[in-house]
Amino acid sequence: MNIFEQIRDILSLQLEVDPKRITMETTMDELGADSLDMVDLAMTVEDEFKLEFPEEVLEKIKTVGDVVNFLESR
C-alpha cells in the first residue's frame, strides 16, 4: 500500500467518507474536515508513520496531496 492509499484509508475511516471520493486534489473542506479532524489526522499520521507532524505544517494542509507530499518528503 502506498502513502496515498494509507492516507485515503485513514481519512475515509475518520471522516466517514467513501474512499472513492478521495483523490490527491480533494480538499479537506470538501471532506468536511474541521480543525479537530485535522488534529486527529495529525495524531493518526504520527502513530502510523512514526514521525512528528509539526503544527506549522498542519496549518498549511489544504488537500490530501499536501499530506502525501509532506510524508513523501520525510
C-alpha atoms as a PDB file:
ATOM      1  CA  MET A   1       0.000   0.000   0.000  1.00  0.00           C
ATOM      2  CA  ASN A   2       1.420   3.397  -0.944  1.00  0.00           C
ATOM      3  CA  ILE A   3       1.268   6.589   1.118  1.00  0.00           C
ATOM      4  CA  PHE A   4      -1.746   7.994  -0.739  1.00  0.00           C
ATOM      5  CA  GLU A   5      -3.719   4.791  -0.146  1.00  0.00           C
ATOM      6  CA  GLN A   6      -2.832   4.849   3.553  1.00  0.00           C
ATOM      7  CA  ILE A   7      -3.914   8.485   3.924  1.00  0.00           C
ATOM      8  CA  ARG A   8      -7.076   7.835   1.889  1.00  0.00           C
ATOM      9  CA  ASP A   9      -7.989   4.950   4.196  1.00  0.00           C
ATOM     10  CA  ILE A  10      -7.292   6.986   7.346  1.00  0.00           C
ATOM     11  CA  LEU A  11      -9.419   9.888   6.099  1.00  0.00           C
ATOM     12  CA  SER A  12     -12.177   7.570   4.950  1.00  0.00           C
ATOM     13  CA  LEU A  13     -12.416   5.998   8.407  1.00  0.00           C
ATOM     14  CA  GLN A  14     -12.026   9.162  10.447  1.00  0.00           C
ATOM     15  CA  LEU A  15     -14.379  11.310   8.383  1.00  0.00           C
ATOM     16  CA  GLU A  16     -16.763   8.530   7.330  1.00  0.00           C
ATOM     17  CA  VAL A  17     -16.273   9.374   3.644  1.00  0.00           C
ATOM     18  CA  ASP A  18     -16.372   6.970   0.702  1.00  0.00           C
ATOM     19  CA  PRO A  19     -12.714   6.363  -0.249  1.00  0.00           C
ATOM     20  CA  LYS A  20     -13.683   6.696  -3.922  1.00  0.00           C
ATOM     21  CA  ARG A  21     -14.343  10.394  -3.261  1.00  0.00           C
ATOM     22  CA  ILE A  22     -10.763  10.964  -2.078  1.00  0.00           C
ATOM     23  CA  THR A  23      -8.086  11.965  -4.586  1.00  0.00           C
ATOM     24  CA  MET A  24      -4.809  13.843  -4.281  1.00  0.00           C
ATOM     25  CA  GLU A  25      -6.672  17.033  -5.263  1.00  0.00           C
ATOM     26  CA  THR A  26      -9.530  16.616  -2.774  1.00  0.00           C
ATOM     27  CA  THR A  27      -9.540  19.446  -0.265  1.00  0.00           C
ATOM     28  CA  MET A  28     -10.021  18.937   3.428  1.00  0.00           C
ATOM     29  CA  ASP A  29     -13.013  21.284   3.198  1.00  0.00           C
ATOM     30  CA  GLU A  30     -14.625  19.010   0.595  1.00  0.00           C
ATOM     31  CA  LEU A  31     -14.244  16.143   3.057  1.00  0.00           C
ATOM     32  CA  GLY A  32     -15.865  18.192   5.814  1.00  0.00           C
ATOM     33  CA  ALA A  33     -12.724  18.197   7.967  1.00  0.00           C
ATOM     34  CA  ASP A  34     -12.660  20.824  10.697  1.00  0.00           C
ATOM     35  CA  SER A  35      -9.739  21.816  12.916  1.00  0.00           C
ATOM     36  CA  LEU A  36     -10.411  18.989  15.371  1.00  0.00           C
ATOM     37  CA  ASP A  37     -10.442  16.488  12.494  1.00  0.00           C
ATOM     38  CA  MET A  38      -7.095  17.854  11.354  1.00  0.00           C
ATOM     39  CA  VAL A  39      -5.605  17.342  14.822  1.00  0.00           C
ATOM     40  CA  ASP A  40      -6.957  13.764  14.825  1.00  0.00           C
ATOM     41  CA  LEU A  41      -5.427  13.231  11.378  1.00  0.00           C
ATOM     42  CA  ALA A  42      -2.053  14.543  12.563  1.00  0.00           C
ATOM     43  CA  MET A  43      -2.058  12.228  15.606  1.00  0.00           C
ATOM     44  CA  THR A  44      -3.008   9.226  13.486  1.00  0.00           C
ATOM     45  CA  VAL A  45      -0.324  10.041  10.903  1.00  0.00           C
ATOM     46  CA  GLU A  46       2.259  10.410  13.682  1.00  0.00           C
ATOM     47  CA  ASP A  47       1.349   6.980  15.049  1.00  0.00           C
ATOM     48  CA  GLU A  48       1.117   5.305  11.639  1.00  0.00           C
ATOM     49  CA  PHE A  49       4.319   6.748  10.159  1.00  0.00           C
ATOM     50  CA  LYS A  50       6.344   7.164  13.379  1.00  0.00           C
ATOM     51  CA  LEU A  51       7.125  10.833  12.815  1.00  0.00           C
ATOM     52  CA  GLU A  52       6.185  14.234  14.131  1.00  0.00           C
ATOM     53  CA  PHE A  53       3.603  16.278  12.236  1.00  0.00           C
ATOM     54  CA  PRO A  54       4.596  19.884  13.052  1.00  0.00           C
ATOM     55  CA  GLU A  55       1.739  22.283  13.802  1.00  0.00           C
ATOM     56  CA  GLU A  56       3.036  24.801  11.240  1.00  0.00           C
ATOM     57  CA  VAL A  57       2.803  22.117   8.539  1.00  0.00           C
ATOM     58  CA  LEU A  58      -0.652  21.057   9.698  1.00  0.00           C
ATOM     59  CA  GLU A  59      -1.895  24.648   9.372  1.00  0.00           C
ATOM     60  CA  LYS A  60      -0.842  24.697   5.686  1.00  0.00           C
ATOM     61  CA  ILE A  61      -2.596  21.443   4.737  1.00  0.00           C
ATOM     62  CA  LYS A  62      -5.357  22.169   2.233  1.00  0.00           C
ATOM     63  CA  THR A  63      -5.540  18.964   0.149  1.00  0.00           C
ATOM     64  CA  VAL A  64      -4.960  15.253   0.546  1.00  0.00           C
ATOM     65  CA  GLY A  65      -1.949  15.725  -1.737  1.00  0.00           C
ATOM     66  CA  ASP A  66      -0.433  18.162   0.774  1.00  0.00           C
ATOM     67  CA  VAL A  67      -0.427  15.397   3.399  1.00  0.00           C
ATOM     68  CA  VAL A  68       1.022  12.847   0.974  1.00  0.00           C
ATOM     69  CA  ASN A  69       3.723  15.265  -0.229  1.00  0.00           C
ATOM     70  CA  PHE A  70       4.724  16.050   3.361  1.00  0.00           C
ATOM     71  CA  LEU A  71       5.084  12.345   4.141  1.00  0.00           C
ATOM     72  CA  GLU A  72       6.985  11.617   0.930  1.00  0.00           C
ATOM     73  CA  SER A  73       9.459  14.393   1.788  1.00  0.00           C
ATOM     74  CA  ARG A  74      10.310  12.661   5.091  1.00  0.00           C
END
